[in-house]
N, C-alpha and C. Protein backbone atom coordinates (compact mmCIF):
# COMPACT_ATOMS: atom_id res chain seq x y z
N UNK A 1 104.77 -24.46 -10.44
CA UNK A 1 106.03 -25.40 -10.09
C UNK A 1 107.58 -25.61 -10.58
N UNK A 2 107.06 -25.69 -11.61
CA UNK A 2 107.79 -26.87 -12.89
C UNK A 2 108.86 -25.11 -12.74
N UNK A 3 108.69 -24.58 -12.80
CA UNK A 3 109.92 -23.21 -13.61
C UNK A 3 110.35 -23.19 -11.53
N UNK A 4 109.78 -23.57 -10.33
CA UNK A 4 109.96 -22.88 -9.29
C UNK A 4 111.40 -24.72 -9.18
N UNK A 5 111.40 -25.23 -9.27
CA UNK A 5 112.03 -26.73 -9.94
C UNK A 5 113.16 -26.68 -10.86
N UNK A 6 113.41 -26.16 -11.97
CA UNK A 6 114.01 -25.43 -12.47
C UNK A 6 115.04 -24.16 -11.88
N UNK A 7 114.23 -23.21 -11.67
CA UNK A 7 115.50 -21.99 -10.93
C UNK A 7 115.65 -22.75 -9.80
N UNK A 8 115.48 -23.70 -8.72
CA UNK A 8 116.04 -23.92 -8.06
C UNK A 8 117.59 -24.99 -8.34
N UNK A 9 117.65 -25.40 -10.03
CA UNK A 9 117.73 -26.08 -10.15
C UNK A 9 119.09 -24.88 -10.26
N UNK A 10 118.52 -23.90 -11.64
CA UNK A 10 120.05 -23.65 -11.38
C UNK A 10 120.57 -23.24 -10.48
N UNK A 11 119.89 -22.37 -9.70
CA UNK A 11 120.86 -21.76 -9.56
C UNK A 11 121.56 -22.65 -7.51
N UNK A 12 121.19 -23.65 -7.69
CA UNK A 12 122.55 -25.46 -7.34
C UNK A 12 123.38 -25.04 -8.82
N UNK A 13 123.03 -25.17 -9.54
CA UNK A 13 123.74 -24.63 -10.67
C UNK A 13 124.10 -26.71 -10.82
N UNK A 14 122.85 -27.17 -10.70
CA UNK A 14 122.58 -28.33 -10.99
C UNK A 14 122.03 -29.40 -11.93
N UNK A 15 121.31 -27.84 -12.14
CA UNK A 15 119.53 -28.15 -13.12
C UNK A 15 119.68 -29.56 -12.68
N UNK A 16 117.86 -29.38 -12.59
CA UNK A 16 116.61 -29.96 -12.33
C UNK A 16 115.08 -29.85 -13.44
N UNK A 17 114.63 -31.19 -12.92
CA UNK A 17 113.41 -30.88 -13.43
C UNK A 17 112.55 -32.13 -12.64
N UNK A 18 111.11 -31.64 -13.37
CA UNK A 18 109.44 -31.79 -12.27
C UNK A 18 109.17 -33.20 -13.54
N UNK A 19 109.59 -34.34 -12.72
CA UNK A 19 109.21 -34.99 -13.06
C UNK A 19 107.93 -36.04 -12.72
N UNK A 20 106.99 -35.53 -11.69
CA UNK A 20 105.40 -35.21 -11.07
C UNK A 20 105.93 -34.47 -11.24
N UNK A 21 104.31 -34.34 -10.69
CA UNK A 21 103.68 -33.32 -9.68
C UNK A 21 102.25 -34.01 -8.98
N UNK A 22 101.95 -34.19 -8.51
CA UNK A 22 100.56 -35.10 -7.30
C UNK A 22 99.88 -34.47 -6.05
N UNK A 23 98.97 -34.31 -6.93
CA UNK A 23 97.76 -33.21 -5.84
C UNK A 23 97.85 -34.43 -4.54
N UNK A 24 98.16 -33.57 -3.47
CA UNK A 24 97.69 -34.82 -2.37
C UNK A 24 96.04 -35.13 -1.76
N UNK A 25 96.24 -32.97 -2.29
CA UNK A 25 94.53 -32.45 -1.24
C UNK A 25 94.51 -31.45 -1.94
N UNK A 26 92.79 -32.01 -1.06
CA UNK A 26 92.00 -30.89 -2.51
C UNK A 26 90.83 -30.39 -1.53
N UNK A 27 90.13 -29.11 -1.53
CA UNK A 27 89.86 -29.24 -0.63
C UNK A 27 89.64 -30.46 0.55
N UNK A 28 88.19 -31.00 0.89
CA UNK A 28 88.05 -32.28 1.98
C UNK A 28 89.07 -33.86 1.69
N UNK A 29 88.96 -33.95 -0.07
CA UNK A 29 89.19 -34.98 0.26
C UNK A 29 90.87 -35.03 -0.47
N UNK A 30 91.32 -35.57 -0.09
CA UNK A 30 92.69 -36.60 -0.11
C UNK A 30 92.95 -38.13 -0.49
N UNK A 31 94.42 -38.47 -0.26
CA UNK A 31 94.66 -39.19 -1.01
C UNK A 31 93.69 -41.14 -0.18
N UNK A 32 93.90 -40.70 1.57
CA UNK A 32 93.22 -41.45 3.13
C UNK A 32 91.92 -41.76 2.47
N UNK A 33 91.02 -40.63 1.64
CA UNK A 33 89.61 -40.57 1.06
C UNK A 33 89.64 -41.17 0.05
N UNK A 34 89.21 -42.35 -0.71
CA UNK A 34 89.92 -43.21 -1.65
C UNK A 34 89.72 -41.66 -2.34
N UNK A 35 90.56 -41.35 -2.96
CA UNK A 35 91.15 -39.34 -3.69
C UNK A 35 91.47 -40.24 -4.82
N UNK A 36 91.11 -40.53 -6.13
CA UNK A 36 91.26 -42.32 -7.63
C UNK A 36 91.85 -40.45 -8.62
N UNK A 37 92.53 -41.34 -9.45
CA UNK A 37 93.26 -40.44 -10.30
C UNK A 37 91.97 -40.07 -11.36
N UNK A 38 91.67 -39.93 -13.07
CA UNK A 38 91.30 -39.39 -13.80
C UNK A 38 91.29 -41.58 -14.54
N UNK A 39 92.60 -41.97 -14.37
CA UNK A 39 93.02 -42.82 -15.19
C UNK A 39 92.17 -44.10 -14.77
N UNK A 40 91.95 -43.34 -12.82
CA UNK A 40 91.53 -44.83 -12.45
C UNK A 40 89.60 -44.52 -12.54
N UNK A 41 89.34 -43.41 -13.36
CA UNK A 41 87.84 -43.24 -13.49
C UNK A 41 87.96 -43.85 -14.78
N UNK A 42 88.10 -43.58 -15.34
CA UNK A 42 88.27 -44.46 -17.06
C UNK A 42 88.16 -45.53 -16.97
N UNK A 43 89.44 -45.96 -15.98
CA UNK A 43 89.22 -48.42 -16.44
C UNK A 43 87.79 -48.73 -15.70
N UNK A 44 87.42 -47.65 -14.55
CA UNK A 44 86.00 -48.07 -14.20
C UNK A 44 85.09 -47.71 -15.16
N UNK A 45 85.23 -47.02 -15.16
CA UNK A 45 83.96 -46.66 -16.45
C UNK A 45 84.31 -47.55 -17.65
N UNK A 46 85.49 -48.35 -17.97
CA UNK A 46 85.04 -49.24 -19.16
C UNK A 46 84.85 -50.62 -18.99
N UNK A 47 85.51 -51.11 -17.79
CA UNK A 47 84.80 -52.06 -16.69
C UNK A 47 83.79 -52.68 -16.70
N UNK A 48 82.50 -50.67 -16.50
CA UNK A 48 80.87 -50.57 -16.07
C UNK A 48 80.58 -51.68 -17.67
N UNK A 49 80.75 -50.58 -18.91
CA UNK A 49 81.08 -50.81 -20.06
C UNK A 49 80.91 -52.47 -20.41
N UNK A 50 82.43 -52.87 -20.70
CA UNK A 50 82.24 -54.02 -21.49
C UNK A 50 82.22 -55.26 -20.50
N UNK A 51 81.48 -54.93 -19.33
CA UNK A 51 81.88 -56.07 -17.91
C UNK A 51 80.70 -55.97 -17.69
N UNK A 52 79.63 -54.91 -17.47
CA UNK A 52 78.76 -54.58 -16.46
C UNK A 52 79.35 -54.63 -14.86
N UNK A 53 80.10 -54.65 -15.08
CA UNK A 53 80.50 -54.51 -13.51
C UNK A 53 81.18 -52.87 -12.78
N UNK A 54 79.99 -52.03 -12.19
CA UNK A 54 79.92 -51.44 -11.72
C UNK A 54 80.68 -50.85 -10.35
N UNK A 55 81.61 -51.92 -10.09
CA UNK A 55 81.90 -52.67 -8.62
C UNK A 55 83.37 -50.74 -8.56
N UNK A 56 83.99 -51.54 -9.11
CA UNK A 56 84.83 -50.04 -8.82
C UNK A 56 84.24 -49.15 -9.39
N UNK A 57 83.21 -48.36 -10.83
CA UNK A 57 82.83 -47.43 -10.51
C UNK A 57 82.04 -46.31 -9.54
N UNK A 58 80.73 -46.85 -8.26
CA UNK A 58 80.40 -47.22 -7.54
C UNK A 58 82.07 -46.74 -6.88
N UNK A 59 83.19 -46.84 -6.97
CA UNK A 59 83.95 -46.59 -6.03
C UNK A 59 84.63 -46.06 -5.53
N UNK A 60 85.04 -45.16 -7.78
CA UNK A 60 85.46 -44.33 -8.00
C UNK A 60 84.94 -43.05 -8.12
N UNK A 61 83.74 -43.34 -7.20
CA UNK A 61 82.77 -41.31 -8.06
C UNK A 61 81.56 -41.59 -6.68
N UNK A 62 82.32 -40.21 -5.82
CA UNK A 62 81.83 -40.05 -4.45
C UNK A 62 80.55 -39.17 -4.31
N UNK A 63 79.36 -39.41 -4.54
CA UNK A 63 78.43 -38.56 -4.66
C UNK A 63 78.41 -37.84 -3.83
N UNK A 64 77.55 -36.46 -4.72
CA UNK A 64 78.06 -35.33 -3.89
C UNK A 64 78.21 -34.98 -3.25
N UNK A 65 78.05 -34.63 -2.58
CA UNK A 65 76.59 -34.39 -0.32
C UNK A 65 78.61 -34.19 -0.24
N UNK A 66 79.58 -34.91 -1.21
CA UNK A 66 80.24 -35.58 0.30
C UNK A 66 81.38 -34.17 -0.34
N UNK A 67 81.38 -33.52 -1.11
CA UNK A 67 81.64 -32.01 -1.75
C UNK A 67 81.72 -31.19 -0.87
N UNK A 68 80.49 -30.74 0.08
CA UNK A 68 79.98 -30.08 0.76
C UNK A 68 80.30 -30.48 2.37
N UNK A 69 81.25 -31.45 3.07
CA UNK A 69 81.91 -31.53 4.12
C UNK A 69 82.02 -30.51 4.73
N UNK A 70 82.78 -30.02 4.10
CA UNK A 70 83.18 -29.02 5.40
C UNK A 70 82.22 -27.84 5.57
N UNK A 71 81.46 -28.13 4.30
CA UNK A 71 81.05 -26.87 5.00
C UNK A 71 79.89 -26.79 6.08
N UNK A 72 78.98 -26.13 7.02
CA UNK A 72 78.31 -25.95 7.54
C UNK A 72 76.82 -26.39 7.56
N UNK A 73 76.17 -26.77 8.17
CA UNK A 73 75.07 -27.64 7.57
C UNK A 73 73.81 -27.39 8.16
N UNK A 74 73.03 -27.15 7.30
CA UNK A 74 71.09 -26.27 6.88
C UNK A 74 70.79 -27.71 6.75
N UNK A 75 70.03 -28.35 8.33
CA UNK A 75 68.99 -29.43 7.52
C UNK A 75 66.94 -28.29 7.54
N UNK A 76 66.76 -29.33 5.92
CA UNK A 76 65.70 -28.45 6.25
C UNK A 76 64.43 -29.35 6.17
N UNK A 77 63.35 -28.89 6.27
CA UNK A 77 62.04 -29.59 6.29
C UNK A 77 61.73 -30.11 4.62
N UNK A 78 61.03 -31.31 4.98
CA UNK A 78 60.75 -31.82 3.26
C UNK A 78 59.45 -31.20 3.20
N UNK A 79 59.23 -29.83 3.25
CA UNK A 79 58.15 -29.13 3.29
C UNK A 79 58.76 -27.69 2.35
N UNK A 80 59.82 -27.13 3.42
CA UNK A 80 60.63 -26.50 2.14
C UNK A 80 61.41 -26.80 0.84
N UNK A 81 61.93 -27.87 1.12
CA UNK A 81 62.55 -28.38 -0.07
C UNK A 81 62.06 -28.22 -1.81
N UNK A 82 61.29 -28.44 -2.34
CA UNK A 82 61.32 -27.10 -3.61
C UNK A 82 60.87 -26.62 -3.72
N UNK A 83 60.70 -25.52 -3.20
CA UNK A 83 60.37 -24.29 -2.88
C UNK A 83 62.01 -24.16 -3.46
N UNK A 84 63.08 -24.27 -1.87
CA UNK A 84 64.69 -24.04 -2.35
C UNK A 84 65.01 -24.75 -3.32
N UNK A 85 63.74 -26.11 -4.62
CA UNK A 85 64.31 -26.34 -5.30
C UNK A 85 64.17 -24.83 -6.46
N UNK A 86 63.31 -24.34 -6.54
CA UNK A 86 63.03 -23.49 -7.72
C UNK A 86 62.97 -22.15 -7.18
N UNK A 87 64.09 -21.53 -6.31
CA UNK A 87 64.53 -20.52 -6.74
C UNK A 87 64.38 -20.15 -5.38
N UNK A 88 64.01 -20.30 -4.04
CA UNK A 88 63.45 -19.78 -3.01
C UNK A 88 64.29 -19.11 -1.90
N UNK A 89 64.27 -18.15 -1.38
CA UNK A 89 65.24 -18.35 -0.14
C UNK A 89 65.17 -18.97 0.97
N UNK A 90 65.81 -19.31 1.82
CA UNK A 90 65.35 -20.63 3.27
C UNK A 90 65.03 -19.53 3.87
N UNK A 91 63.83 -19.52 5.04
CA UNK A 91 63.20 -19.19 5.70
C UNK A 91 62.95 -20.06 6.90
N UNK A 92 62.61 -19.29 8.32
CA UNK A 92 63.16 -19.88 9.25
C UNK A 92 62.45 -21.62 9.36
N UNK A 93 61.29 -21.16 9.05
CA UNK A 93 60.35 -21.93 9.31
C UNK A 93 60.95 -22.90 9.01
N UNK A 94 61.43 -23.42 8.12
CA UNK A 94 61.42 -23.72 7.31
C UNK A 94 62.76 -25.06 7.29
N UNK A 95 62.77 -24.81 8.77
CA UNK A 95 64.29 -25.49 8.95
C UNK A 95 64.89 -25.82 10.09
N UNK A 96 64.99 -27.51 10.20
CA UNK A 96 64.03 -28.38 11.15
C UNK A 96 65.85 -28.93 12.03
N UNK A 97 66.60 -28.10 11.39
CA UNK A 97 68.23 -28.09 12.58
C UNK A 97 69.05 -27.44 11.53
N UNK A 98 70.20 -27.00 12.29
CA UNK A 98 71.31 -26.61 12.05
C UNK A 98 72.64 -26.61 13.28
N UNK A 99 73.58 -26.73 12.45
CA UNK A 99 74.89 -26.38 12.88
C UNK A 99 75.07 -25.22 14.07
N UNK A 100 76.32 -25.14 15.22
CA UNK A 100 75.84 -24.26 15.45
C UNK A 100 77.33 -23.63 15.58
N UNK A 101 77.66 -23.36 14.61
CA UNK A 101 78.59 -22.30 13.94
C UNK A 101 78.77 -21.21 13.14
N UNK A 102 77.15 -21.33 12.66
CA UNK A 102 77.27 -20.95 11.98
C UNK A 102 77.20 -18.84 11.28
N UNK A 103 78.11 -18.23 11.66
CA UNK A 103 77.83 -16.55 11.64
C UNK A 103 77.41 -16.42 10.19
N UNK A 104 77.26 -14.85 10.24
CA UNK A 104 77.08 -14.49 8.69
C UNK A 104 77.35 -14.04 8.16
N UNK A 105 77.26 -14.22 6.76
CA UNK A 105 77.71 -14.99 5.29
C UNK A 105 78.17 -16.08 5.43
N UNK A 106 78.13 -16.48 6.01
CA UNK A 106 78.70 -17.47 5.64
C UNK A 106 78.16 -18.61 4.53
N UNK A 107 79.02 -19.27 3.99
CA UNK A 107 78.48 -19.73 3.47
C UNK A 107 77.68 -21.77 3.82
N UNK A 108 76.86 -22.04 3.59
CA UNK A 108 76.51 -22.70 4.49
C UNK A 108 75.65 -23.63 3.57
N UNK A 109 75.38 -25.31 4.23
CA UNK A 109 75.33 -26.31 3.03
C UNK A 109 73.73 -26.45 3.32
N UNK A 110 72.86 -26.90 2.74
CA UNK A 110 71.12 -27.20 2.43
C UNK A 110 71.37 -28.55 2.30
N UNK A 111 70.26 -28.87 3.23
CA UNK A 111 70.05 -30.86 3.05
C UNK A 111 68.78 -31.01 3.96
N UNK A 112 68.67 -31.79 3.35
CA UNK A 112 67.49 -32.69 3.09
C UNK A 112 67.23 -33.45 4.36
N UNK A 113 67.07 -34.07 5.81
CA UNK A 113 66.53 -34.87 7.04
C UNK A 113 67.27 -36.13 5.96
N UNK A 114 67.82 -36.36 5.00
CA UNK A 114 68.25 -37.69 4.31
C UNK A 114 69.52 -37.53 4.45
N UNK A 115 69.76 -36.19 4.03
CA UNK A 115 71.06 -35.82 4.14
C UNK A 115 71.86 -35.89 2.88
N UNK A 116 70.61 -35.17 1.58
CA UNK A 116 71.02 -34.87 0.12
C UNK A 116 71.11 -33.64 -0.21
N UNK A 117 71.46 -33.69 -0.29
CA UNK A 117 72.56 -31.98 -0.59
C UNK A 117 71.21 -30.87 -1.35
N UNK A 118 70.89 -30.08 -1.25
CA UNK A 118 69.68 -29.47 -1.66
C UNK A 118 70.54 -27.94 -2.78
N UNK A 119 71.62 -26.97 -2.14
CA UNK A 119 72.00 -26.53 -2.59
C UNK A 119 73.04 -25.55 -1.60
N UNK A 120 73.54 -24.56 -1.17
CA UNK A 120 73.60 -23.61 -0.38
C UNK A 120 73.90 -22.23 -1.06
N UNK A 121 73.74 -21.81 -0.15
CA UNK A 121 73.89 -20.08 0.02
C UNK A 121 74.42 -20.01 1.23
N UNK A 122 74.11 -18.57 1.32
CA UNK A 122 75.23 -17.07 2.54
C UNK A 122 74.70 -17.38 3.65
N UNK A 123 74.28 -17.42 5.34
CA UNK A 123 73.40 -16.99 6.28
C UNK A 123 73.23 -15.73 5.84
N UNK A 124 72.09 -15.48 6.90
CA UNK A 124 71.85 -13.51 7.44
C UNK A 124 71.99 -14.00 8.17
N UNK A 125 71.69 -14.85 9.36
CA UNK A 125 71.49 -15.13 10.33
C UNK A 125 73.05 -15.53 11.30
N UNK A 126 73.37 -15.65 12.32
CA UNK A 126 74.44 -16.30 13.08
C UNK A 126 73.03 -17.93 13.65
N UNK A 127 73.56 -18.62 13.97
CA UNK A 127 72.94 -20.40 14.05
C UNK A 127 72.39 -19.49 15.58
N UNK A 128 72.56 -18.84 16.71
CA UNK A 128 71.14 -17.86 17.57
C UNK A 128 70.61 -17.95 17.04
N UNK A 129 70.68 -16.58 16.84
CA UNK A 129 69.77 -15.92 15.60
C UNK A 129 68.36 -16.25 14.74
N UNK A 130 69.27 -17.44 14.24
CA UNK A 130 67.78 -18.95 13.98
C UNK A 130 67.27 -19.74 14.94
N UNK A 131 67.64 -19.21 16.09
CA UNK A 131 67.13 -20.36 16.85
C UNK A 131 66.38 -19.42 17.57
N UNK A 132 66.82 -18.04 17.60
CA UNK A 132 64.87 -16.81 18.35
C UNK A 132 64.62 -16.88 17.46
N UNK A 133 64.42 -16.86 15.74
CA UNK A 133 63.61 -16.15 15.14
C UNK A 133 62.93 -16.79 15.04
N UNK A 134 60.94 -16.50 14.65
CA UNK A 134 59.75 -16.89 14.36
C UNK A 134 59.72 -16.74 12.83
N UNK A 135 60.17 -15.66 12.20
CA UNK A 135 60.08 -15.51 11.48
C UNK A 135 60.98 -14.87 10.23
N UNK A 136 60.49 -14.49 9.09
CA UNK A 136 61.58 -14.26 8.43
C UNK A 136 63.03 -15.19 7.10
N UNK A 137 63.59 -14.70 6.82
CA UNK A 137 64.64 -15.73 6.21
C UNK A 137 66.00 -15.94 6.85
N UNK A 138 67.08 -17.51 6.76
CA UNK A 138 67.96 -18.01 7.27
C UNK A 138 69.03 -17.42 6.10
N UNK A 139 68.43 -17.87 5.39
CA UNK A 139 69.66 -17.83 4.20
C UNK A 139 69.59 -17.09 2.46
N UNK A 140 70.10 -17.15 2.06
CA UNK A 140 69.93 -16.57 0.35
C UNK A 140 70.56 -17.73 -0.35
N UNK A 141 70.26 -18.34 -0.76
CA UNK A 141 70.34 -19.59 -1.89
C UNK A 141 70.88 -18.35 -2.98
N UNK A 142 72.48 -19.61 -3.31
CA UNK A 142 73.15 -18.59 -3.86
C UNK A 142 73.12 -20.18 -5.64
N UNK A 143 73.08 -21.63 -5.06
CA UNK A 143 73.69 -22.54 -5.32
C UNK A 143 72.71 -23.82 -5.37
N UNK A 144 71.61 -23.62 -6.18
CA UNK A 144 70.16 -25.51 -5.92
C UNK A 144 71.15 -26.11 -7.35
N UNK A 145 71.29 -27.87 -5.59
CA UNK A 145 71.99 -29.10 -6.00
C UNK A 145 71.08 -29.42 -6.98
N UNK A 146 69.73 -29.78 -6.65
CA UNK A 146 69.34 -30.72 -6.67
C UNK A 146 67.62 -30.24 -7.09
N UNK A 147 67.22 -31.71 -8.44
CA UNK A 147 66.30 -30.95 -9.89
C UNK A 147 64.86 -31.09 -9.23
N UNK A 148 63.94 -29.52 -9.11
CA UNK A 148 62.40 -29.36 -8.96
C UNK A 148 62.31 -30.25 -9.08
N UNK A 149 60.81 -30.92 -8.11
CA UNK A 149 59.85 -31.75 -7.81
C UNK A 149 60.85 -33.20 -7.48
N UNK A 150 61.16 -32.78 -6.81
CA UNK A 150 62.12 -34.51 -6.82
C UNK A 150 60.91 -34.26 -5.37
N UNK A 151 60.73 -33.22 -4.17
CA UNK A 151 60.43 -33.67 -3.30
C UNK A 151 58.59 -33.26 -3.62
N UNK A 152 57.95 -33.74 -3.24
CA UNK A 152 56.30 -32.62 -3.70
C UNK A 152 56.61 -31.34 -3.37
N UNK A 153 55.31 -30.91 -4.21
CA UNK A 153 55.36 -29.09 -3.64
C UNK A 153 54.40 -28.59 -2.62
N UNK A 154 54.78 -28.21 -1.92
CA UNK A 154 53.31 -28.10 -0.46
C UNK A 154 53.40 -26.38 -0.47
N UNK A 155 53.95 -25.45 -1.22
CA UNK A 155 53.63 -24.68 -2.08
C UNK A 155 53.09 -23.84 -2.46
N UNK A 156 51.82 -22.69 -3.09
CA UNK A 156 51.66 -22.16 -3.82
C UNK A 156 52.59 -21.43 -5.35
């Protein structure tokens, strides 16, 4: 970007340089939804360390579930959470709810009934196929974000 500014200035014969480059949106995050700078996070950390005031830190740091806002969701039963946390693919029997716009090979977010992000993976079936299937696997889990043993183990 800096080179483009310089080249445009040369082409116009006036010279140019970039004073500031700001990213106003990254994925589903934008300035209107509490997007903060690293300086804000540093200040919030120091307020917490020096004054014991964690309110600024809580405003600056978002829950990790926000990172998956744009993904279609599959909500799983509590009995399936620990198995997925230990690396198992998600079977149809462990699904409680799902978005209606899932296609094959879509990246989907896997969440608990409470809305906690468990992980993400690629859908092996469409939404309709998942609803119609009695058994088999629905999602190839690629990334697990929840610690194992957060939920009780229902598998052997």
